[in-house]
């Protein structure tokens, strides 16, 4: 694109993103009329958008709540000389470019080189291991599956089951494992629904015996627990346990030594060796092993969007994204250039898109190149 000064790029990106206030619009108009280079850069950007989107893309940015939220959420503290603060004050908020292509959309935050990326789905089997040791590949076996104790129905990434008799299936725990790049849902015998994210393991009985309903989760899952005041539901997590009666919440244990529980509806009590914490809707409990449980508000879009195949970034560094890519791509990654580890990104990652879309956009927008070596390791350089 035509070379512009920092101030000119601010106004250009703000205009493309539909984020300029009244004073900045006037500054933009004056700049556009006086500077041919700005006119050329603007024309180049418009030409990069598909013709059928140019007519409505700006209006959609202004009207669509997702775009508005991004502009409000993703802020950058960039020093601006005193003489420029009046003009660029509101551009401390993210200047968002909407780039539309065959592969999808891309957000780019100018100041931090922030980028929304896509990933593809690496297919591998969802495994169900029964308490008796029998293994079932749910990625290859669909429909009704009959075992000695239970009749399984595996349909459209959802598992339901029915016991062949009331006493069977109570003796042991079954294990459901969802690999990288995939997600899955299971309906338990009490009516509780569990959505499992990539690289997640669930241990559960086919029927709940005794005075409690207990399962174990490692990874990330969203639970909609069936109400039963007489039989509390216990979710065992690494380093902690969540106790509920009937509610909806998300659990995340991806980071070693860290447990996050975000409550959507109802109430839960998170119990850890250092104490316990009762959550109310809209709050997230965060436990770092050995420390007291902390509570904080959470953004449902950022925490829960994985159920739609999306992962929203809010100022995530390439090093942080490097932790997510293996789960969503099914590919190991290496950052060869230490200078790009702290580059920040904002937007959304869609695991239903090919990995090459991500790599192409990354290179085009932020200048970060990449390659996949003979051992199928993705290198950022």
Protein backbone atom coordinates (compact mmCIF):
# COMPACT_ATOMS: atom_id res chain seq x y z
CA UNK A 1 0.00 0.00 0.00
CA UNK A 2 1.07 3.62 -0.55
CA UNK A 3 3.45 4.78 2.17
CA UNK A 4 1.76 7.09 4.66
CA UNK A 5 2.78 8.83 7.85
CA UNK A 6 1.56 7.51 11.19
CA UNK A 7 -1.11 10.21 11.45
CA UNK A 8 -2.39 9.54 7.93
CA UNK A 9 -2.59 5.79 8.56
CA UNK A 10 -4.56 6.42 11.76
CA UNK A 11 -7.17 8.41 9.88
CA UNK A 12 -7.25 6.00 6.95
CA UNK A 13 -7.83 2.97 9.18
CA UNK A 14 -10.37 4.86 11.25
CA UNK A 15 -12.27 5.81 8.10
CA UNK A 16 -12.21 2.27 6.73
CA UNK A 17 -13.37 0.93 10.10
CA UNK A 18 -16.12 3.56 10.49
CA UNK A 19 -14.70 4.70 13.85
CA UNK A 20 -13.98 8.40 13.36
CA UNK A 21 -15.71 10.98 15.52
CA UNK A 22 -16.88 14.35 14.21
CA UNK A 23 -13.54 16.13 14.66
CA UNK A 24 -11.65 13.25 13.07
CA UNK A 25 -14.05 13.14 10.12
CA UNK A 26 -13.23 16.79 9.43
CA UNK A 27 -9.52 16.06 9.71
CA UNK A 28 -9.96 13.13 7.34
CA UNK A 29 -11.86 15.20 4.78
CA UNK A 30 -9.17 17.89 4.78
CA UNK A 31 -6.41 15.30 4.49
CA UNK A 32 -8.19 13.44 1.70
CA UNK A 33 -8.69 16.62 -0.34
CA UNK A 34 -5.16 17.91 0.15
CA UNK A 35 -3.03 14.77 -0.12
CA UNK A 36 -3.07 12.63 -3.30
CA UNK A 37 -1.13 9.88 -1.51
CA UNK A 38 -3.97 9.44 0.96
CA UNK A 39 -6.50 9.36 -1.86
CA UNK A 40 -4.47 6.65 -3.60
CA UNK A 41 -4.12 4.58 -0.41
CA UNK A 42 -7.86 4.84 0.24
CA UNK A 43 -8.66 3.74 -3.32
CA UNK A 44 -6.25 0.79 -3.00
CA UNK A 45 -7.97 -0.33 0.20
CA UNK A 46 -11.45 -0.06 -1.30
CA UNK A 47 -10.34 -1.99 -4.39
CA UNK A 48 -9.06 -4.77 -2.13
CA UNK A 49 -12.63 -5.36 -0.92
CA UNK A 50 -15.07 -7.43 -3.00
CA UNK A 51 -17.26 -5.16 -5.12
CA UNK A 52 -20.52 -6.51 -3.69
CA UNK A 53 -19.36 -5.75 -0.13
CA UNK A 54 -18.07 -2.21 -0.58
CA UNK A 55 -21.54 -0.73 -0.70
CA UNK A 56 -22.60 -2.02 2.72
CA UNK A 57 -19.49 -2.99 4.66
CA UNK A 58 -19.08 0.36 6.44
CA UNK A 59 -22.72 0.44 7.48
CA UNK A 60 -22.49 -3.13 8.74
CA UNK A 61 -19.51 -2.25 10.90
CA UNK A 62 -21.53 0.52 12.53
CA UNK A 63 -24.70 -1.50 13.02
CA UNK A 64 -23.48 -4.99 13.85
CA UNK A 65 -22.99 -5.41 17.60
CA UNK A 66 -19.94 -7.62 17.12
CA UNK A 67 -18.07 -4.91 15.27
CA UNK A 68 -19.10 -2.24 17.76
CA UNK A 69 -18.01 -4.41 20.67
CA UNK A 70 -14.60 -4.99 19.11
CA UNK A 71 -14.08 -1.28 18.68
CA UNK A 72 -14.95 -0.67 22.32
CA UNK A 73 -13.10 -3.63 23.79
CA UNK A 74 -9.77 -3.65 22.04
CA UNK A 75 -7.87 -0.59 23.16
CA UNK A 76 -4.25 0.39 22.69
CA UNK A 77 -2.35 2.93 24.74
CA UNK A 78 -0.23 4.60 22.08
CA UNK A 79 1.64 7.80 23.00
CA UNK A 80 0.55 10.71 20.80
CA UNK A 81 2.32 14.08 20.72
CA UNK A 82 0.36 16.87 22.43
CA UNK A 83 -0.28 18.63 19.11
CA UNK A 84 -2.02 15.49 17.81
CA UNK A 85 -3.98 14.39 20.89
CA UNK A 86 -7.14 16.31 19.99
CA UNK A 87 -7.36 14.79 16.53
CA UNK A 88 -6.43 11.24 17.53
CA UNK A 89 -7.90 10.98 21.00
CA UNK A 90 -10.72 8.58 20.12
CA UNK A 91 -8.38 6.54 17.91
CA UNK A 92 -6.84 5.19 21.08
CA UNK A 93 -9.65 2.69 20.55
CA UNK A 94 -8.99 -0.02 18.01
CA UNK A 95 -8.95 1.08 14.38
CA UNK A 96 -10.48 -1.91 12.68
CA UNK A 97 -10.12 -2.77 9.00
CA UNK A 98 -12.63 -5.14 7.53
CA UNK A 99 -10.97 -7.24 4.88
CA UNK A 100 -13.34 -9.53 3.06
CA UNK A 101 -12.01 -12.39 0.99
CA UNK A 102 -12.99 -15.84 -0.18
CA UNK A 103 -11.53 -17.28 2.98
CA UNK A 104 -13.60 -15.09 5.32
CA UNK A 105 -13.02 -11.95 7.36
CA UNK A 106 -10.00 -10.56 9.06
CA UNK A 107 -9.54 -7.92 11.72
CA UNK A 108 -6.31 -5.98 11.83
CA UNK A 109 -5.41 -3.58 14.57
CA UNK A 110 -2.87 -1.12 13.20
CA UNK A 111 -0.99 -0.12 16.34
CA UNK A 112 -0.30 -3.59 17.62
CA UNK A 113 -0.30 -5.46 14.34
CA UNK A 114 -3.36 -7.32 15.56
CA UNK A 115 -5.00 -9.90 13.37
CA UNK A 116 -7.95 -12.26 13.43
CA UNK A 117 -6.99 -15.66 12.15
CA UNK A 118 -8.61 -18.85 10.91
CA UNK A 119 -7.53 -22.41 11.36
CA UNK A 120 -8.55 -25.69 9.85
CA UNK A 121 -9.77 -28.84 11.54
CA UNK A 122 -7.42 -31.77 11.72
CA UNK A 123 -9.52 -34.90 11.76
CA UNK A 124 -8.83 -37.58 14.34
CA UNK A 125 -11.03 -39.91 16.26
CA UNK A 126 -13.29 -39.07 19.19
CA UNK A 127 -12.77 -42.01 21.50
CA UNK A 128 -15.15 -43.54 24.02
CA UNK A 129 -13.54 -46.00 26.43
CA UNK A 130 -16.07 -47.95 28.48
CA UNK A 131 -15.50 -48.97 32.08
CA UNK A 132 -15.03 -52.58 30.90
CA UNK A 133 -12.15 -51.53 28.64
CA UNK A 134 -14.02 -51.58 25.32
CA UNK A 135 -12.98 -48.83 22.87
CA UNK A 136 -15.37 -47.15 20.43
CA UNK A 137 -14.27 -44.69 17.75
CA UNK A 138 -17.18 -42.25 17.58
CA UNK A 139 -15.68 -40.51 14.56
CA UNK A 140 -16.07 -43.59 12.39
CA UNK A 141 -19.01 -45.41 13.97
CA UNK A 142 -22.34 -43.59 13.78
CA UNK A 143 -25.95 -44.43 14.45
CA UNK A 144 -27.07 -46.93 17.08
CA UNK A 145 -24.23 -48.85 18.76
CA UNK A 146 -25.15 -51.73 21.05
CA UNK A 147 -22.88 -52.87 23.90
CA UNK A 148 -23.46 -55.34 26.71
CA UNK A 149 -24.71 -52.69 29.16
CA UNK A 150 -25.94 -49.77 27.11
CA UNK A 151 -27.35 -48.73 23.76
CA UNK A 152 -25.44 -45.75 22.36
CA UNK A 153 -26.71 -43.34 19.73
CA UNK A 154 -23.99 -41.33 18.00
CA UNK A 155 -25.54 -38.78 15.65
CA UNK A 156 -24.20 -35.44 14.35
CA UNK A 157 -21.52 -35.07 17.02
CA UNK A 158 -23.96 -35.83 19.84
CA UNK A 159 -23.90 -38.92 22.03
CA UNK A 160 -26.98 -40.18 23.87
CA UNK A 161 -27.51 -43.56 25.50
CA UNK A 162 -29.98 -45.82 27.24
CA UNK A 163 -29.18 -48.57 29.73
CA UNK A 164 -30.25 -52.11 28.85
CA UNK A 165 -31.27 -52.64 32.49
CA UNK A 166 -31.45 -50.37 35.53
CA UNK A 167 -28.53 -51.97 37.38
CA UNK A 168 -26.02 -51.91 34.52
CA UNK A 169 -23.52 -49.12 33.92
CA UNK A 170 -23.25 -48.06 37.56
CA UNK A 171 -20.06 -49.83 38.51
CA UNK A 172 -17.40 -47.78 36.75
CA UNK A 173 -16.45 -44.62 34.95
CA UNK A 174 -16.37 -44.28 31.18
CA UNK A 175 -13.94 -41.96 29.41
CA UNK A 176 -14.83 -39.73 26.46
CA UNK A 177 -11.83 -38.09 24.75
CA UNK A 178 -12.14 -35.30 22.18
CA UNK A 179 -8.92 -34.72 20.20
CA UNK A 180 -7.47 -31.50 18.83
CA UNK A 181 -9.47 -29.68 16.18
CA UNK A 182 -12.84 -31.15 17.20
CA UNK A 183 -15.73 -30.69 19.63
CA UNK A 184 -18.50 -32.98 20.82
CA UNK A 185 -21.64 -33.09 22.95
CA UNK A 186 -22.99 -35.74 25.30
CA UNK A 187 -26.30 -35.99 27.13
CA UNK A 188 -25.89 -37.74 30.49
CA UNK A 189 -28.46 -40.06 32.08
CA UNK A 190 -29.92 -37.34 34.34
CA UNK A 191 -30.55 -34.95 31.44
CA UNK A 192 -27.37 -32.92 31.96
CA UNK A 193 -25.78 -31.76 28.68
CA UNK A 194 -22.01 -31.39 28.30
CA UNK A 195 -20.29 -29.72 25.34
CA UNK A 196 -16.62 -30.71 25.08
CA UNK A 197 -14.02 -28.51 23.40
CA UNK A 198 -10.90 -29.77 21.60
CA UNK A 199 -8.27 -31.68 23.62
CA UNK A 200 -10.75 -32.42 26.41
CA UNK A 201 -11.47 -35.55 28.43
CA UNK A 202 -14.67 -36.41 30.33
CA UNK A 203 -15.05 -39.26 32.82
CA UNK A 204 -18.64 -40.19 33.64
CA UNK A 205 -20.85 -43.13 34.68
CA UNK A 206 -23.74 -44.31 32.54
CA UNK A 207 -25.97 -43.93 35.62
CA UNK A 208 -25.45 -41.91 38.79
CA UNK A 209 -25.56 -44.01 41.94
CA UNK A 210 -25.70 -42.73 45.52
CA UNK A 211 -26.55 -39.25 46.75
CA UNK A 212 -24.44 -37.27 44.27
CA UNK A 213 -23.85 -36.97 40.53
CA UNK A 214 -20.11 -36.84 39.87
CA UNK A 215 -18.01 -36.43 36.72
CA UNK A 216 -14.41 -35.41 35.99
CA UNK A 217 -13.27 -32.99 33.27
CA UNK A 218 -9.84 -32.04 31.95
CA UNK A 219 -9.72 -29.41 29.20
CA UNK A 220 -12.71 -27.17 28.46
CA UNK A 221 -16.41 -27.84 28.60
CA UNK A 222 -19.76 -26.10 28.84
CA UNK A 223 -22.33 -27.73 31.12
CA UNK A 224 -26.08 -27.37 31.38
CA UNK A 225 -26.80 -29.29 34.56
CA UNK A 226 -30.25 -30.78 35.12
CA UNK A 227 -31.85 -29.61 38.37
CA UNK A 228 -32.07 -32.10 41.21
CA UNK A 229 -31.96 -30.54 44.68
CA UNK A 230 -31.74 -33.95 46.33
CA UNK A 231 -28.70 -35.00 44.31
CA UNK A 232 -25.98 -32.34 43.94
CA UNK A 233 -23.85 -32.37 40.80
CA UNK A 234 -20.07 -32.39 41.34
CA UNK A 235 -17.57 -31.58 38.58
CA UNK A 236 -14.06 -32.64 39.54
CA UNK A 237 -11.36 -30.54 37.88
CA UNK A 238 -7.57 -30.50 38.32
CA UNK A 239 -6.93 -28.93 41.74
CA UNK A 240 -10.62 -28.12 42.41
CA UNK A 241 -14.27 -29.21 42.42
CA UNK A 242 -17.41 -27.36 41.34
CA UNK A 243 -20.62 -28.14 43.24
CA UNK A 244 -23.99 -27.30 41.65
CA UNK A 245 -27.67 -28.21 41.80
CA UNK A 246 -28.84 -27.00 38.39
CA UNK A 247 -27.09 -24.35 36.32
CA UNK A 248 -25.10 -23.45 33.18
CA UNK A 249 -21.39 -22.73 33.28
CA UNK A 250 -18.07 -23.11 31.47
CA UNK A 251 -14.94 -24.76 32.86
CA UNK A 252 -11.44 -24.33 31.44
CA UNK A 253 -8.35 -26.17 32.68
CA UNK A 254 -6.15 -25.88 29.59
CA UNK A 255 -3.40 -23.92 31.36
CA UNK A 256 -1.42 -26.06 33.77
CA UNK A 257 -2.16 -25.13 37.37
CA UNK A 258 -5.01 -22.77 36.41
CA UNK A 259 -8.75 -23.47 36.63
CA UNK A 260 -11.43 -21.08 35.32
CA UNK A 261 -15.14 -21.42 35.98
CA UNK A 262 -17.49 -18.92 34.27
CA UNK A 263 -21.11 -18.93 35.43
CA UNK A 264 -23.87 -18.17 32.93
CA UNK A 265 -26.98 -19.09 34.91
CA UNK A 266 -27.82 -20.28 38.44
CA UNK A 267 -25.11 -20.57 41.08
CA UNK A 268 -22.06 -22.73 41.69
CA UNK A 269 -19.64 -23.17 44.54
CA UNK A 270 -16.01 -23.63 43.50
CA UNK A 271 -13.97 -25.54 46.06
CA UNK A 272 -10.16 -25.59 46.15
CA UNK A 273 -7.50 -26.49 48.74
CA UNK A 274 -7.13 -22.79 49.60
CA UNK A 275 -10.85 -22.14 50.12
CA UNK A 276 -14.11 -21.89 48.23
CA UNK A 277 -16.01 -19.26 46.29
CA UNK A 278 -19.72 -18.91 45.47
CA UNK A 279 -20.32 -17.50 41.99
CA UNK A 280 -23.19 -15.43 40.64
CA UNK A 281 -24.08 -15.18 36.92
CA UNK A 282 -21.66 -13.10 34.87
CA UNK A 283 -18.72 -13.87 37.17
CA UNK A 284 -15.71 -16.08 36.54
CA UNK A 285 -13.71 -17.79 39.28
CA UNK A 286 -9.99 -18.17 38.57
CA UNK A 287 -7.88 -20.48 40.69
CA UNK A 288 -4.09 -20.63 40.44
CA UNK A 289 -2.88 -23.70 42.30
CA UNK A 290 -1.87 -22.78 45.85
CA UNK A 291 -3.49 -19.33 45.78
CA UNK A 292 -6.92 -18.04 46.88
CA UNK A 293 -9.73 -18.17 44.33
CA UNK A 294 -10.24 -14.86 42.55
CA UNK A 295 -13.47 -13.63 40.96
CA UNK A 296 -13.87 -11.33 37.96
CA UNK A 297 -16.54 -10.40 35.38
CA UNK A 298 -16.24 -12.18 32.04
CA UNK A 299 -17.30 -11.45 28.48
CA UNK A 300 -19.51 -14.31 27.21
CA UNK A 301 -18.35 -13.69 23.65
CA UNK A 302 -14.72 -14.23 24.58
CA UNK A 303 -15.29 -17.18 26.93
CA UNK A 304 -18.13 -19.10 25.27
CA UNK A 305 -17.67 -18.58 21.53
CA UNK A 306 -15.69 -21.84 21.17
CA UNK A 307 -19.04 -23.67 21.02
CA UNK A 308 -19.62 -21.96 17.67
CA UNK A 309 -16.17 -22.96 16.43
CA UNK A 310 -14.75 -19.50 17.15
CA UNK A 311 -12.08 -18.28 19.52
CA UNK A 312 -12.00 -14.52 20.08
CA UNK A 313 -8.69 -12.82 20.79
CA UNK A 314 -8.41 -9.73 22.93
CA UNK A 315 -4.86 -8.46 22.65
CA UNK A 316 -3.41 -11.98 22.58
CA UNK A 317 0.27 -12.24 21.71
CA UNK A 318 1.61 -14.61 19.09
CA UNK A 319 3.13 -16.60 21.95
CA UNK A 320 -0.34 -17.04 23.47
CA UNK A 321 -1.86 -17.97 20.13
CA UNK A 322 0.95 -20.48 19.79
CA UNK A 323 -0.65 -22.42 22.65
CA UNK A 324 -4.05 -22.49 20.95
CA UNK A 325 -3.01 -23.43 17.42
CA UNK A 326 -2.05 -27.03 18.30
CA UNK A 327 -5.52 -27.61 19.80
CA UNK A 328 -7.38 -26.11 16.87
CA UNK A 329 -5.00 -26.97 14.01
CA UNK A 330 -3.73 -30.31 15.23
CA UNK A 331 -0.23 -29.12 14.31
CA UNK A 332 2.80 -28.29 16.43
CA UNK A 333 4.24 -24.80 16.14
CA UNK A 334 7.54 -23.04 16.71
CA UNK A 335 8.25 -19.30 16.83
CA UNK A 336 11.69 -19.01 15.23
CA UNK A 337 11.95 -15.25 15.59
CA UNK A 338 11.80 -14.17 19.27
CA UNK A 339 11.10 -10.59 18.21
CA UNK A 340 7.58 -11.47 17.06
CA UNK A 341 6.50 -13.36 20.18
CA UNK A 342 4.94 -10.25 21.71
CA UNK A 343 3.08 -9.10 18.59
CA UNK A 344 -0.58 -8.72 19.56
CA UNK A 345 -3.72 -9.89 17.79
CA UNK A 346 -7.41 -9.21 18.09
CA UNK A 347 -10.41 -10.78 16.39
CA UNK A 348 -11.59 -14.34 15.95
CA UNK A 349 -10.11 -17.69 15.07
CA UNK A 350 -12.37 -20.08 13.13
CA UNK A 351 -11.29 -23.71 13.16
CA UNK A 352 -13.49 -24.53 10.16
CA UNK A 353 -11.24 -22.62 7.75
CA UNK A 354 -8.02 -23.98 6.18
CA UNK A 355 -4.75 -23.21 7.90
CA UNK A 356 -3.40 -21.56 4.75
CA UNK A 357 -5.97 -18.77 5.08
CA UNK A 358 -4.46 -17.91 8.44
CA UNK A 359 -0.90 -18.07 7.14
CA UNK A 360 -1.64 -15.95 4.08
CA UNK A 361 -3.42 -13.28 6.12
CA UNK A 362 -0.69 -13.27 8.73
CA UNK A 363 1.93 -12.57 6.11
CA UNK A 364 -0.10 -10.00 4.19
CA UNK A 365 -1.20 -7.95 7.18
CA UNK A 366 1.56 -8.25 9.78
CA UNK A 367 4.54 -9.34 7.66
CA UNK A 368 5.02 -12.52 9.70
CA UNK A 369 6.10 -15.34 7.38
CA UNK A 370 5.78 -19.06 8.06
CA UNK A 371 6.44 -22.50 6.67
CA UNK A 372 5.71 -26.13 7.50
CA UNK A 373 8.77 -28.36 7.70
CA UNK A 374 9.19 -32.00 6.71
CA UNK A 375 7.97 -33.13 10.13
CA UNK A 376 4.78 -31.08 9.73
CA UNK A 377 5.79 -28.47 12.30
CA UNK A 378 4.57 -24.95 11.62
CA UNK A 379 7.32 -22.32 11.96
CA UNK A 380 6.68 -18.57 12.39
CA UNK A 381 9.65 -16.49 11.32
